[in-house]
Amino acid sequence: MAAGYVNQQGLPLNNLIAAGAVICLLPVLLLFPFMQRRFVSGFTTAGLKEQEAVRR
């Protein structure tokens, strides 16, 4: 993916790659604190549904 981000000497442009990583992670880091309760409840309810199917 990052093979195209090189300078004239063929060295990677680390600052550009790092900026892209931050831009990709920023929405996740901003939304997780607000959606944490729903995120965790989704795991717990999914686990309960799986257990009910096994019991039957």
PDB file of N, CA and C in Angstrom:
ATOM      1  N   MET A   1       0.825  -1.183   0.000  1.00  0.00           N
ATOM      2  CA  MET A   1       0.000   0.000   0.000  1.00  0.00           C
ATOM      3  C   MET A   1       0.872   1.251   0.000  1.00  0.00           C
ATOM      4  N   ALA A   2       1.899   1.283   0.793  1.00  0.00           N
ATOM      5  CA  ALA A   2       2.724   2.479   0.911  1.00  0.00           C
ATOM      6  C   ALA A   2       3.895   2.452  -0.066  1.00  0.00           C
ATOM      7  N   ALA A   3       3.909   1.519  -1.004  1.00  0.00           N
ATOM      8  CA  ALA A   3       5.040   1.394  -1.924  1.00  0.00           C
ATOM      9  C   ALA A   3       5.169   2.615  -2.834  1.00  0.00           C
ATOM     10  N   GLY A   4       4.094   3.313  -3.111  1.00  0.00           N
ATOM     11  CA  GLY A   4       4.148   4.462  -3.998  1.00  0.00           C
ATOM     12  C   GLY A   4       4.598   5.748  -3.329  1.00  0.00           C
ATOM     13  N   TYR A   5       4.713   5.766  -2.036  1.00  0.00           N
ATOM     14  CA  TYR A   5       5.074   6.982  -1.308  1.00  0.00           C
ATOM     15  C   TYR A   5       6.574   7.010  -1.021  1.00  0.00           C
ATOM     16  N   VAL A   6       7.359   7.240  -2.072  1.00  0.00           N
ATOM     17  CA  VAL A   6       8.817   7.302  -1.934  1.00  0.00           C
ATOM     18  C   VAL A   6       9.319   8.587  -2.580  1.00  0.00           C
ATOM     19  N   ASN A   7      10.489   9.024  -2.131  1.00  0.00           N
ATOM     20  CA  ASN A   7      11.088  10.219  -2.716  1.00  0.00           C
ATOM     21  C   ASN A   7      11.973   9.828  -3.907  1.00  0.00           C
ATOM     22  N   GLN A   8      12.749  10.763  -4.426  1.00  0.00           N
ATOM     23  CA  GLN A   8      13.572  10.511  -5.611  1.00  0.00           C
ATOM     24  C   GLN A   8      14.636   9.442  -5.377  1.00  0.00           C
ATOM     25  N   GLN A   9      15.103   9.303  -4.130  1.00  0.00           N
ATOM     26  CA  GLN A   9      16.124   8.309  -3.815  1.00  0.00           C
ATOM     27  C   GLN A   9      15.520   6.931  -3.527  1.00  0.00           C
ATOM     28  N   GLY A  10      14.225   6.811  -3.533  1.00  0.00           N
ATOM     29  CA  GLY A  10      13.568   5.539  -3.256  1.00  0.00           C
ATOM     30  C   GLY A  10      13.309   5.297  -1.785  1.00  0.00           C
ATOM     31  N   LEU A  11      13.543   6.306  -0.946  1.00  0.00           N
ATOM     32  CA  LEU A  11      13.300   6.169   0.483  1.00  0.00           C
ATOM     33  C   LEU A  11      11.836   6.507   0.786  1.00  0.00           C
ATOM     34  N   PRO A  12      11.248   5.826   1.750  1.00  0.00           N
ATOM     35  CA  PRO A  12       9.829   6.090   2.034  1.00  0.00           C
ATOM     36  C   PRO A  12       9.616   7.463   2.666  1.00  0.00           C
ATOM     37  N   LEU A  13       8.481   8.050   2.361  1.00  0.00           N
ATOM     38  CA  LEU A  13       8.091   9.324   2.963  1.00  0.00           C
ATOM     39  C   LEU A  13       7.329   9.016   4.256  1.00  0.00           C
ATOM     40  N   ASN A  14       8.084   8.819   5.319  1.00  0.00           N
ATOM     41  CA  ASN A  14       7.497   8.389   6.587  1.00  0.00           C
ATOM     42  C   ASN A  14       6.498   9.393   7.139  1.00  0.00           C
ATOM     43  N   ASN A  15       6.753  10.686   6.934  1.00  0.00           N
ATOM     44  CA  ASN A  15       5.818  11.679   7.460  1.00  0.00           C
ATOM     45  C   ASN A  15       4.463  11.587   6.759  1.00  0.00           C
ATOM     46  N   LEU A  16       4.452  11.300   5.469  1.00  0.00           N
ATOM     47  CA  LEU A  16       3.197  11.164   4.734  1.00  0.00           C
ATOM     48  C   LEU A  16       2.456   9.890   5.150  1.00  0.00           C
ATOM     49  N   ILE A  17       3.194   8.819   5.348  1.00  0.00           N
ATOM     50  CA  ILE A  17       2.588   7.555   5.783  1.00  0.00           C
ATOM     51  C   ILE A  17       2.018   7.703   7.193  1.00  0.00           C
ATOM     52  N   ALA A  18       2.741   8.370   8.082  1.00  0.00           N
ATOM     53  CA  ALA A  18       2.262   8.582   9.449  1.00  0.00           C
ATOM     54  C   ALA A  18       1.027   9.485   9.460  1.00  0.00           C
ATOM     55  N   ALA A  19       1.002  10.491   8.624  1.00  0.00           N
ATOM     56  CA  ALA A  19      -0.166  11.375   8.554  1.00  0.00           C
ATOM     57  C   ALA A  19      -1.395  10.609   8.071  1.00  0.00           C
ATOM     58  N   GLY A  20      -1.216   9.732   7.111  1.00  0.00           N
ATOM     59  CA  GLY A  20      -2.321   8.909   6.641  1.00  0.00           C
ATOM     60  C   GLY A  20      -2.838   7.983   7.720  1.00  0.00           C
ATOM     61  N   ALA A  21      -1.937   7.413   8.519  1.00  0.00           N
ATOM     62  CA  ALA A  21      -2.349   6.531   9.612  1.00  0.00           C
ATOM     63  C   ALA A  21      -3.146   7.301  10.663  1.00  0.00           C
ATOM     64  N   VAL A  22      -2.716   8.510  10.973  1.00  0.00           N
ATOM     65  CA  VAL A  22      -3.427   9.331  11.959  1.00  0.00           C
ATOM     66  C   VAL A  22      -4.814   9.706  11.442  1.00  0.00           C
ATOM     67  N   ILE A  23      -4.897  10.051  10.171  1.00  0.00           N
ATOM     68  CA  ILE A  23      -6.191  10.414   9.590  1.00  0.00           C
ATOM     69  C   ILE A  23      -7.144   9.219   9.617  1.00  0.00           C
ATOM     70  N   CYS A  24      -6.628   8.023   9.401  1.00  0.00           N
ATOM     71  CA  CYS A  24      -7.478   6.825   9.434  1.00  0.00           C
ATOM     72  C   CYS A  24      -7.918   6.474  10.851  1.00  0.00           C
ATOM     73  N   LEU A  25      -7.074   6.693  11.832  1.00  0.00           N
ATOM     74  CA  LEU A  25      -7.389   6.332  13.216  1.00  0.00           C
ATOM     75  C   LEU A  25      -8.194   7.386  13.964  1.00  0.00           C
ATOM     76  N   LEU A  26      -8.136   8.613  13.518  1.00  0.00           N
ATOM     77  CA  LEU A  26      -8.783   9.702  14.234  1.00  0.00           C
ATOM     78  C   LEU A  26     -10.285   9.503  14.431  1.00  0.00           C
ATOM     79  N   PRO A  27     -11.055   9.127  13.421  1.00  0.00           N
ATOM     80  CA  PRO A  27     -12.494   8.924  13.659  1.00  0.00           C
ATOM     81  C   PRO A  27     -12.767   7.812  14.675  1.00  0.00           C
ATOM     82  N   VAL A  28     -11.992   6.748  14.628  1.00  0.00           N
ATOM     83  CA  VAL A  28     -12.187   5.650  15.571  1.00  0.00           C
ATOM     84  C   VAL A  28     -11.897   6.121  16.993  1.00  0.00           C
ATOM     85  N   LEU A  29     -10.823   6.849  17.170  1.00  0.00           N
ATOM     86  CA  LEU A  29     -10.455   7.320  18.504  1.00  0.00           C
ATOM     87  C   LEU A  29     -11.443   8.356  19.039  1.00  0.00           C
ATOM     88  N   LEU A  30     -12.051   9.128  18.163  1.00  0.00           N
ATOM     89  CA  LEU A  30     -13.018  10.131  18.611  1.00  0.00           C
ATOM     90  C   LEU A  30     -14.381   9.518  18.912  1.00  0.00           C
ATOM     91  N   LEU A  31     -14.783   8.502  18.184  1.00  0.00           N
ATOM     92  CA  LEU A  31     -16.107   7.918  18.378  1.00  0.00           C
ATOM     93  C   LEU A  31     -16.140   6.862  19.482  1.00  0.00           C
ATOM     94  N   PHE A  32     -15.046   6.188  19.743  1.00  0.00           N
ATOM     95  CA  PHE A  32     -15.066   5.093  20.714  1.00  0.00           C
ATOM     96  C   PHE A  32     -15.514   5.524  22.109  1.00  0.00           C
ATOM     97  N   PRO A  33     -15.040   6.641  22.674  1.00  0.00           N
ATOM     98  CA  PRO A  33     -15.504   7.007  24.019  1.00  0.00           C
ATOM     99  C   PRO A  33     -17.017   7.228  24.093  1.00  0.00           C
ATOM    100  N   PHE A  34     -17.619   7.737  23.023  1.00  0.00           N
ATOM    101  CA  PHE A  34     -19.051   7.983  23.023  1.00  0.00           C
ATOM    102  C   PHE A  34     -19.857   6.712  22.761  1.00  0.00           C
ATOM    103  N   MET A  35     -19.290   5.790  22.009  1.00  0.00           N
ATOM    104  CA  MET A  35     -20.012   4.575  21.630  1.00  0.00           C
ATOM    105  C   MET A  35     -19.571   3.354  22.436  1.00  0.00           C
ATOM    106  N   GLN A  36     -18.745   3.535  23.449  1.00  0.00           N
ATOM    107  CA  GLN A  36     -18.180   2.417  24.197  1.00  0.00           C
ATOM    108  C   GLN A  36     -19.274   1.557  24.842  1.00  0.00           C
ATOM    109  N   ARG A  37     -20.277   2.177  25.389  1.00  0.00           N
ATOM    110  CA  ARG A  37     -21.346   1.424  26.058  1.00  0.00           C
ATOM    111  C   ARG A  37     -22.064   0.511  25.062  1.00  0.00           C
ATOM    112  N   ARG A  38     -22.381   1.033  23.875  1.00  0.00           N
ATOM    113  CA  ARG A  38     -23.042   0.214  22.856  1.00  0.00           C
ATOM    114  C   ARG A  38     -22.107  -0.865  22.319  1.00  0.00           C
ATOM    115  N   PHE A  39     -20.846  -0.545  22.198  1.00  0.00           N
ATOM    116  CA  PHE A  39     -19.855  -1.490  21.698  1.00  0.00           C
ATOM    117  C   PHE A  39     -19.759  -2.698  22.627  1.00  0.00           C
ATOM    118  N   VAL A  40     -19.662  -2.454  23.912  1.00  0.00           N
ATOM    119  CA  VAL A  40     -19.551  -3.530  24.896  1.00  0.00           C
ATOM    120  C   VAL A  40     -20.866  -4.287  25.010  1.00  0.00           C
ATOM    121  N   SER A  41     -21.989  -3.583  24.976  1.00  0.00           N
ATOM    122  CA  SER A  41     -23.281  -4.274  25.075  1.00  0.00           C
ATOM    123  C   SER A  41     -23.516  -5.157  23.857  1.00  0.00           C
ATOM    124  N   GLY A  42     -22.989  -4.781  22.723  1.00  0.00           N
ATOM    125  CA  GLY A  42     -23.094  -5.624  21.535  1.00  0.00           C
ATOM    126  C   GLY A  42     -22.369  -6.935  21.717  1.00  0.00           C
ATOM    127  N   PHE A  43     -21.214  -6.900  22.350  1.00  0.00           N
ATOM    128  CA  PHE A  43     -20.480  -8.135  22.623  1.00  0.00           C
ATOM    129  C   PHE A  43     -21.237  -9.016  23.609  1.00  0.00           C
ATOM    130  N   THR A  44     -21.787  -8.410  24.641  1.00  0.00           N
ATOM    131  CA  THR A  44     -22.465  -9.219  25.658  1.00  0.00           C
ATOM    132  C   THR A  44     -23.743  -9.826  25.115  1.00  0.00           C
ATOM    133  N   THR A  45     -24.523  -9.073  24.348  1.00  0.00           N
ATOM    134  CA  THR A  45     -25.762  -9.641  23.812  1.00  0.00           C
ATOM    135  C   THR A  45     -25.471 -10.684  22.749  1.00  0.00           C
ATOM    136  N   ALA A  46     -24.433 -10.501  21.976  1.00  0.00           N
ATOM    137  CA  ALA A  46     -24.069 -11.512  20.978  1.00  0.00           C
ATOM    138  C   ALA A  46     -23.661 -12.803  21.669  1.00  0.00           C
ATOM    139  N   GLY A  47     -22.950 -12.688  22.774  1.00  0.00           N
ATOM    140  CA  GLY A  47     -22.560 -13.875  23.522  1.00  0.00           C
ATOM    141  C   GLY A  47     -23.752 -14.576  24.141  1.00  0.00           C
ATOM    142  N   LEU A  48     -24.739 -13.817  24.594  1.00  0.00           N
ATOM    143  CA  LEU A  48     -25.931 -14.425  25.177  1.00  0.00           C
ATOM    144  C   LEU A  48     -26.752 -15.148  24.118  1.00  0.00           C
ATOM    145  N   LYS A  49     -26.856 -14.568  22.933  1.00  0.00           N
ATOM    146  CA  LYS A  49     -27.616 -15.207  21.862  1.00  0.00           C
ATOM    147  C   LYS A  49     -26.950 -16.517  21.460  1.00  0.00           C
ATOM    148  N   GLU A  50     -25.653 -16.541  21.438  1.00  0.00           N
ATOM    149  CA  GLU A  50     -24.920 -17.756  21.091  1.00  0.00           C
ATOM    150  C   GLU A  50     -25.142 -18.844  22.133  1.00  0.00           C
ATOM    151  N   GLN A  51     -25.139 -18.485  23.392  1.00  0.00           N
ATOM    152  CA  GLN A  51     -25.357 -19.459  24.460  1.00  0.00           C
ATOM    153  C   GLN A  51     -26.767 -20.033  24.410  1.00  0.00           C
ATOM    154  N   GLU A  52     -27.767 -19.208  24.076  1.00  0.00           N
ATOM    155  CA  GLU A  52     -29.137 -19.680  23.987  1.00  0.00           C
ATOM    156  C   GLU A  52     -29.291 -20.693  22.854  1.00  0.00           C
ATOM    157  N   ALA A  53     -28.586 -20.462  21.754  1.00  0.00           N
ATOM    158  CA  ALA A  53     -28.678 -21.386  20.627  1.00  0.00           C
ATOM    159  C   ALA A  53     -28.023 -22.722  20.967  1.00  0.00           C
ATOM    160  N   VAL A  54     -26.968 -22.708  21.760  1.00  0.00           N
ATOM    161  CA  VAL A  54     -26.288 -23.940  22.155  1.00  0.00           C
ATOM    162  C   VAL A  54     -27.141 -24.735  23.116  1.00  0.00           C
ATOM    163  N   ARG A  55     -27.866 -24.068  24.008  1.00  0.00           N
ATOM    164  CA  ARG A  55     -28.691 -24.753  25.010  1.00  0.00           C
ATOM    165  C   ARG A  55     -29.863 -25.490  24.360  1.00  0.00           C
ATOM    166  N   ARG A  56     -30.364 -24.996  23.247  1.00  0.00           N
ATOM    167  CA  ARG A  56     -31.544 -25.603  22.593  1.00  0.00           C
ATOM    168  C   ARG A  56     -31.130 -26.776  21.830  1.00  0.00           C
TER     169      ARG A  56
END
